[in-house]
Amino acid sequence: MAGVRLTKPWRELDDAAIAALPGQLGVFEIGDEDGSTLELGFAGGRSRFGLRSAIAEAAAKHEGATCFRYEVTMQYWSRFEELLAVYLADHGELPAANAESRGDRRVGRIGAPGV
C-alpha cells in the first residue's frame, strides 16, 4: 500500500509556509516534532482559501503541531477517506483528532484480498 500513503516530506509549520500554500482543494497531514500524525484533513469546497486556510485552522487546534504535508487533488473527499483507511490499517486506530470528529461514522477497511 506504499502508493496510497501521503509520503511527501514534512514541511516546517510556520506563518511563511502557510502563506505560501495554494488556495486549492486537497488533503493534508499535521504532525508533531516526532513526525507523528496529529490530524489528517482536507480542504474542500467550503474551505474559504483552500489548503491555506484548512491547514492554518487545523494547526491552530494542536499545540504540538510543528510540521505538515499536503497533496493538491480535486478528489479530496475520496482521497481523505483513503488516507484514513490506510492510517487505520497501519496503526490500528485513527489520529485522536479524527477519531473525535468522526463520531460513529465508520472508516473503510483495507486488507489483503479475500480477507
N, C-alpha and C. Protein backbone atom coordinates (compact mmCIF):
# COMPACT_ATOMS: atom_id res chain seq x y z
N MET A 1 0.82 -1.21 0.00
CA MET A 1 0.00 0.00 0.00
C MET A 1 0.86 1.26 0.00
N ALA A 2 2.11 1.16 -0.38
CA ALA A 2 3.00 2.31 -0.36
C ALA A 2 2.49 3.43 -1.26
N GLY A 3 1.83 3.11 -2.35
CA GLY A 3 1.38 4.12 -3.29
C GLY A 3 0.23 4.99 -2.81
N VAL A 4 -0.48 4.59 -1.79
CA VAL A 4 -1.64 5.36 -1.34
C VAL A 4 -1.33 6.25 -0.13
N ARG A 5 -0.18 6.08 0.47
CA ARG A 5 0.18 6.89 1.63
C ARG A 5 0.59 8.29 1.20
N LEU A 6 0.44 9.24 2.09
CA LEU A 6 0.93 10.60 1.87
C LEU A 6 2.40 10.60 2.27
N THR A 7 3.30 10.55 1.30
CA THR A 7 4.72 10.35 1.59
C THR A 7 5.60 11.56 1.29
N LYS A 8 5.01 12.67 0.97
CA LYS A 8 5.81 13.86 0.71
C LYS A 8 6.58 14.22 1.98
N PRO A 9 7.72 14.89 1.84
CA PRO A 9 8.49 15.28 3.03
C PRO A 9 7.69 16.24 3.92
N TRP A 10 7.93 16.14 5.22
CA TRP A 10 7.31 17.07 6.16
C TRP A 10 7.88 18.47 5.91
N ARG A 11 7.04 19.47 6.04
CA ARG A 11 7.46 20.87 5.92
C ARG A 11 7.27 21.53 7.27
N GLU A 12 8.14 22.46 7.59
CA GLU A 12 8.03 23.18 8.85
C GLU A 12 6.76 24.02 8.85
N LEU A 13 6.05 23.98 9.95
CA LEU A 13 4.79 24.69 10.08
C LEU A 13 5.05 26.07 10.66
N ASP A 14 5.02 27.08 9.82
CA ASP A 14 5.17 28.46 10.28
C ASP A 14 4.32 29.36 9.39
N ASP A 15 4.23 30.63 9.78
CA ASP A 15 3.36 31.56 9.06
C ASP A 15 3.76 31.71 7.60
N ALA A 16 5.05 31.73 7.31
CA ALA A 16 5.52 31.90 5.93
C ALA A 16 5.12 30.69 5.08
N ALA A 17 5.26 29.50 5.64
CA ALA A 17 4.89 28.29 4.89
C ALA A 17 3.40 28.25 4.61
N ILE A 18 2.60 28.64 5.57
CA ILE A 18 1.15 28.67 5.38
C ILE A 18 0.76 29.73 4.35
N ALA A 19 1.37 30.90 4.42
CA ALA A 19 1.07 31.97 3.46
C ALA A 19 1.41 31.57 2.03
N ALA A 20 2.38 30.69 1.87
CA ALA A 20 2.80 30.26 0.53
C ALA A 20 1.94 29.13 -0.04
N LEU A 21 1.04 28.59 0.75
CA LEU A 21 0.21 27.47 0.30
C LEU A 21 -0.79 27.93 -0.76
N PRO A 22 -1.13 27.02 -1.68
CA PRO A 22 -2.11 27.36 -2.71
C PRO A 22 -3.52 27.39 -2.14
N GLY A 23 -4.37 28.13 -2.77
CA GLY A 23 -5.78 28.18 -2.38
C GLY A 23 -6.55 27.12 -3.15
N GLN A 24 -6.03 25.90 -3.19
CA GLN A 24 -6.63 24.81 -3.95
C GLN A 24 -7.20 23.74 -3.03
N LEU A 25 -7.98 22.85 -3.62
CA LEU A 25 -8.54 21.72 -2.89
C LEU A 25 -7.46 20.67 -2.68
N GLY A 26 -7.57 19.91 -1.60
CA GLY A 26 -6.61 18.85 -1.38
C GLY A 26 -6.72 18.24 0.00
N VAL A 27 -5.73 17.43 0.34
CA VAL A 27 -5.66 16.74 1.63
C VAL A 27 -4.36 17.13 2.32
N PHE A 28 -4.33 16.94 3.64
CA PHE A 28 -3.12 17.30 4.38
C PHE A 28 -2.98 16.45 5.63
N GLU A 29 -1.79 16.53 6.21
CA GLU A 29 -1.47 15.83 7.45
C GLU A 29 -0.72 16.82 8.34
N ILE A 30 -1.13 16.94 9.58
CA ILE A 30 -0.47 17.79 10.57
C ILE A 30 0.31 16.88 11.50
N GLY A 31 1.57 17.21 11.77
CA GLY A 31 2.40 16.36 12.62
C GLY A 31 3.07 17.12 13.75
N ASP A 32 3.67 16.37 14.67
CA ASP A 32 4.40 16.97 15.78
C ASP A 32 5.90 16.85 15.51
N GLU A 33 6.72 17.25 16.48
CA GLU A 33 8.17 17.25 16.27
C GLU A 33 8.75 15.86 16.04
N ASP A 34 8.05 14.82 16.46
CA ASP A 34 8.50 13.45 16.23
C ASP A 34 8.05 12.91 14.88
N GLY A 35 7.25 13.69 14.15
CA GLY A 35 6.71 13.22 12.89
C GLY A 35 5.49 12.34 13.05
N SER A 36 4.91 12.35 14.25
CA SER A 36 3.68 11.60 14.50
C SER A 36 2.49 12.42 13.99
N THR A 37 1.53 11.74 13.43
CA THR A 37 0.36 12.41 12.87
C THR A 37 -0.59 12.84 13.98
N LEU A 38 -0.93 14.12 13.96
CA LEU A 38 -1.91 14.66 14.90
C LEU A 38 -3.30 14.69 14.27
N GLU A 39 -3.34 14.94 12.96
CA GLU A 39 -4.63 15.02 12.27
C GLU A 39 -4.43 14.86 10.77
N LEU A 40 -5.36 14.16 10.15
CA LEU A 40 -5.49 14.11 8.70
C LEU A 40 -6.67 14.99 8.34
N GLY A 41 -6.56 15.77 7.30
CA GLY A 41 -7.66 16.66 6.96
C GLY A 41 -7.74 16.93 5.47
N PHE A 42 -8.71 17.77 5.11
CA PHE A 42 -8.89 18.12 3.71
C PHE A 42 -9.36 19.56 3.57
N ALA A 43 -9.08 20.11 2.43
CA ALA A 43 -9.60 21.41 2.04
C ALA A 43 -10.61 21.14 0.94
N GLY A 44 -11.86 21.35 1.25
CA GLY A 44 -12.92 21.06 0.30
C GLY A 44 -13.55 22.32 -0.25
N GLY A 45 -14.69 22.14 -0.86
CA GLY A 45 -15.41 23.25 -1.48
C GLY A 45 -15.84 24.33 -0.51
N ARG A 46 -15.91 24.02 0.76
CA ARG A 46 -16.31 25.02 1.76
C ARG A 46 -15.12 25.67 2.47
N SER A 47 -13.91 25.28 2.09
CA SER A 47 -12.71 25.89 2.67
C SER A 47 -12.51 27.24 2.01
N ARG A 48 -12.53 28.28 2.79
CA ARG A 48 -12.53 29.63 2.24
C ARG A 48 -11.33 29.91 1.34
N PHE A 49 -10.15 29.53 1.75
CA PHE A 49 -8.96 29.74 0.94
C PHE A 49 -8.22 28.43 0.69
N GLY A 50 -8.97 27.37 0.49
CA GLY A 50 -8.39 26.08 0.15
C GLY A 50 -7.45 25.55 1.20
N LEU A 51 -6.36 24.95 0.74
CA LEU A 51 -5.39 24.34 1.66
C LEU A 51 -4.80 25.35 2.63
N ARG A 52 -4.62 26.57 2.19
CA ARG A 52 -4.04 27.60 3.06
C ARG A 52 -4.86 27.77 4.34
N SER A 53 -6.15 27.96 4.20
CA SER A 53 -6.97 28.18 5.40
C SER A 53 -7.23 26.88 6.16
N ALA A 54 -7.41 25.77 5.45
CA ALA A 54 -7.69 24.50 6.13
C ALA A 54 -6.51 24.06 6.99
N ILE A 55 -5.29 24.19 6.47
CA ILE A 55 -4.10 23.81 7.25
C ILE A 55 -3.90 24.76 8.42
N ALA A 56 -4.09 26.04 8.20
CA ALA A 56 -3.94 27.01 9.29
C ALA A 56 -4.94 26.73 10.42
N GLU A 57 -6.18 26.43 10.08
CA GLU A 57 -7.20 26.14 11.09
C GLU A 57 -6.88 24.85 11.84
N ALA A 58 -6.46 23.82 11.13
CA ALA A 58 -6.14 22.54 11.77
C ALA A 58 -4.92 22.69 12.68
N ALA A 59 -3.91 23.40 12.22
CA ALA A 59 -2.69 23.58 13.02
C ALA A 59 -2.97 24.35 14.30
N ALA A 60 -3.88 25.30 14.24
CA ALA A 60 -4.20 26.11 15.42
C ALA A 60 -4.85 25.27 16.52
N LYS A 61 -5.44 24.15 16.17
CA LYS A 61 -6.09 23.27 17.16
C LYS A 61 -5.09 22.41 17.93
N HIS A 62 -3.86 22.32 17.44
CA HIS A 62 -2.88 21.40 18.02
C HIS A 62 -1.67 22.16 18.54
N GLU A 63 -1.55 22.22 19.85
CA GLU A 63 -0.45 22.94 20.48
C GLU A 63 0.91 22.39 20.04
N GLY A 64 1.01 21.09 19.84
CA GLY A 64 2.28 20.47 19.48
C GLY A 64 2.55 20.38 17.99
N ALA A 65 1.73 21.02 17.17
CA ALA A 65 1.92 20.94 15.72
C ALA A 65 3.17 21.69 15.29
N THR A 66 4.07 21.00 14.60
CA THR A 66 5.31 21.62 14.13
C THR A 66 5.57 21.41 12.65
N CYS A 67 4.82 20.50 12.01
CA CYS A 67 5.07 20.21 10.60
C CYS A 67 3.78 19.80 9.90
N PHE A 68 3.85 19.81 8.58
CA PHE A 68 2.70 19.41 7.78
C PHE A 68 3.17 18.94 6.41
N ARG A 69 2.29 18.25 5.72
CA ARG A 69 2.48 17.92 4.32
C ARG A 69 1.11 17.89 3.67
N TYR A 70 1.09 18.08 2.37
CA TYR A 70 -0.21 18.16 1.69
C TYR A 70 -0.10 17.63 0.27
N GLU A 71 -1.26 17.46 -0.32
CA GLU A 71 -1.38 17.00 -1.70
C GLU A 71 -2.57 17.72 -2.32
N VAL A 72 -2.36 18.35 -3.44
CA VAL A 72 -3.44 19.01 -4.17
C VAL A 72 -4.20 17.94 -4.95
N THR A 73 -5.51 17.91 -4.78
CA THR A 73 -6.34 16.95 -5.51
C THR A 73 -7.79 17.44 -5.55
N MET A 74 -8.39 17.28 -6.69
CA MET A 74 -9.82 17.62 -6.82
C MET A 74 -10.69 16.55 -6.17
N GLN A 75 -10.17 15.34 -6.02
CA GLN A 75 -10.91 14.24 -5.39
C GLN A 75 -10.58 14.20 -3.90
N TYR A 76 -10.66 15.34 -3.24
CA TYR A 76 -10.24 15.46 -1.84
C TYR A 76 -11.00 14.53 -0.91
N TRP A 77 -12.30 14.33 -1.13
CA TRP A 77 -13.08 13.52 -0.19
C TRP A 77 -12.68 12.05 -0.26
N SER A 78 -12.59 11.49 -1.46
CA SER A 78 -12.22 10.08 -1.57
C SER A 78 -10.76 9.87 -1.15
N ARG A 79 -9.89 10.84 -1.44
CA ARG A 79 -8.50 10.73 -1.03
C ARG A 79 -8.38 10.82 0.49
N PHE A 80 -9.15 11.68 1.12
CA PHE A 80 -9.17 11.80 2.57
C PHE A 80 -9.63 10.49 3.21
N GLU A 81 -10.70 9.91 2.70
CA GLU A 81 -11.20 8.63 3.22
C GLU A 81 -10.15 7.53 3.03
N GLU A 82 -9.45 7.56 1.91
CA GLU A 82 -8.40 6.58 1.65
C GLU A 82 -7.25 6.74 2.65
N LEU A 83 -6.84 7.97 2.92
CA LEU A 83 -5.77 8.20 3.90
C LEU A 83 -6.17 7.74 5.29
N LEU A 84 -7.42 7.96 5.67
CA LEU A 84 -7.90 7.48 6.97
C LEU A 84 -7.84 5.96 7.04
N ALA A 85 -8.28 5.29 5.98
CA ALA A 85 -8.29 3.83 5.96
C ALA A 85 -6.87 3.27 6.04
N VAL A 86 -5.94 3.88 5.34
CA VAL A 86 -4.55 3.42 5.37
C VAL A 86 -3.94 3.66 6.75
N TYR A 87 -4.22 4.82 7.33
CA TYR A 87 -3.71 5.11 8.67
C TYR A 87 -4.25 4.09 9.68
N LEU A 88 -5.53 3.80 9.58
CA LEU A 88 -6.15 2.83 10.47
C LEU A 88 -5.53 1.44 10.29
N ALA A 89 -5.26 1.06 9.05
CA ALA A 89 -4.63 -0.24 8.79
C ALA A 89 -3.21 -0.29 9.36
N ASP A 90 -2.50 0.81 9.27
CA ASP A 90 -1.11 0.86 9.76
C ASP A 90 -1.01 0.92 11.27
N HIS A 91 -1.92 1.66 11.91
CA HIS A 91 -1.79 1.96 13.34
C HIS A 91 -2.86 1.35 14.24
N GLY A 92 -3.91 0.80 13.65
CA GLY A 92 -4.96 0.19 14.44
C GLY A 92 -5.95 1.16 15.04
N GLU A 93 -5.71 2.45 14.86
CA GLU A 93 -6.63 3.50 15.33
C GLU A 93 -6.38 4.76 14.52
N LEU A 94 -7.33 5.67 14.56
CA LEU A 94 -7.18 6.94 13.86
C LEU A 94 -6.44 7.94 14.74
N PRO A 95 -5.87 8.99 14.13
CA PRO A 95 -5.34 10.06 14.98
C PRO A 95 -6.47 10.57 15.88
N ALA A 96 -6.13 10.97 17.09
CA ALA A 96 -7.16 11.37 18.07
C ALA A 96 -8.12 12.41 17.52
N ALA A 97 -7.63 13.42 16.83
CA ALA A 97 -8.49 14.48 16.31
C ALA A 97 -9.50 13.93 15.29
N ASN A 98 -9.09 12.98 14.49
CA ASN A 98 -10.00 12.39 13.51
C ASN A 98 -11.01 11.46 14.17
N ALA A 99 -10.58 10.71 15.17
CA ALA A 99 -11.49 9.81 15.87
C ALA A 99 -12.60 10.59 16.55
N GLU A 100 -12.25 11.72 17.16
CA GLU A 100 -13.25 12.55 17.85
C GLU A 100 -14.24 13.16 16.87
N SER A 101 -13.75 13.64 15.74
CA SER A 101 -14.63 14.35 14.80
C SER A 101 -15.53 13.40 14.01
N ARG A 102 -15.18 12.14 13.89
CA ARG A 102 -15.97 11.19 13.10
C ARG A 102 -17.17 10.64 13.86
N GLY A 103 -17.10 10.68 15.19
CA GLY A 103 -18.21 10.13 15.96
C GLY A 103 -18.42 8.67 15.63
N ASP A 104 -19.63 8.30 15.21
CA ASP A 104 -19.97 6.91 14.90
C ASP A 104 -19.74 6.55 13.43
N ARG A 105 -19.33 7.52 12.61
CA ARG A 105 -19.09 7.22 11.19
C ARG A 105 -17.89 6.30 11.05
N ARG A 106 -18.06 5.23 10.33
CA ARG A 106 -17.01 4.21 10.18
C ARG A 106 -16.04 4.57 9.06
N VAL A 107 -14.84 4.06 9.19
CA VAL A 107 -13.81 4.21 8.17
C VAL A 107 -13.72 2.88 7.43
N GLY A 108 -13.55 2.94 6.12
CA GLY A 108 -13.39 1.72 5.34
C GLY A 108 -12.15 0.95 5.80
N ARG A 109 -12.16 -0.34 5.60
CA ARG A 109 -11.05 -1.20 6.00
C ARG A 109 -10.27 -1.62 4.78
N ILE A 110 -8.95 -1.64 4.91
CA ILE A 110 -8.07 -2.12 3.87
C ILE A 110 -7.44 -3.39 4.37
N GLY A 111 -7.51 -4.43 3.58
CA GLY A 111 -6.93 -5.71 3.98
C GLY A 111 -6.44 -6.47 2.77
N ALA A 112 -5.88 -7.61 3.02
CA ALA A 112 -5.40 -8.46 1.94
C ALA A 112 -6.59 -8.97 1.14
N PRO A 113 -6.41 -9.21 -0.15
CA PRO A 113 -7.52 -9.73 -0.97
C PRO A 113 -8.07 -11.03 -0.36
N GLY A 114 -9.38 -11.15 -0.37
CA GLY A 114 -10.03 -12.35 0.15
C GLY A 114 -10.21 -12.36 1.65
N VAL A 115 -9.81 -11.25 2.33
CA VAL A 115 -9.95 -11.20 3.79
C VAL A 115 -11.21 -10.45 4.14
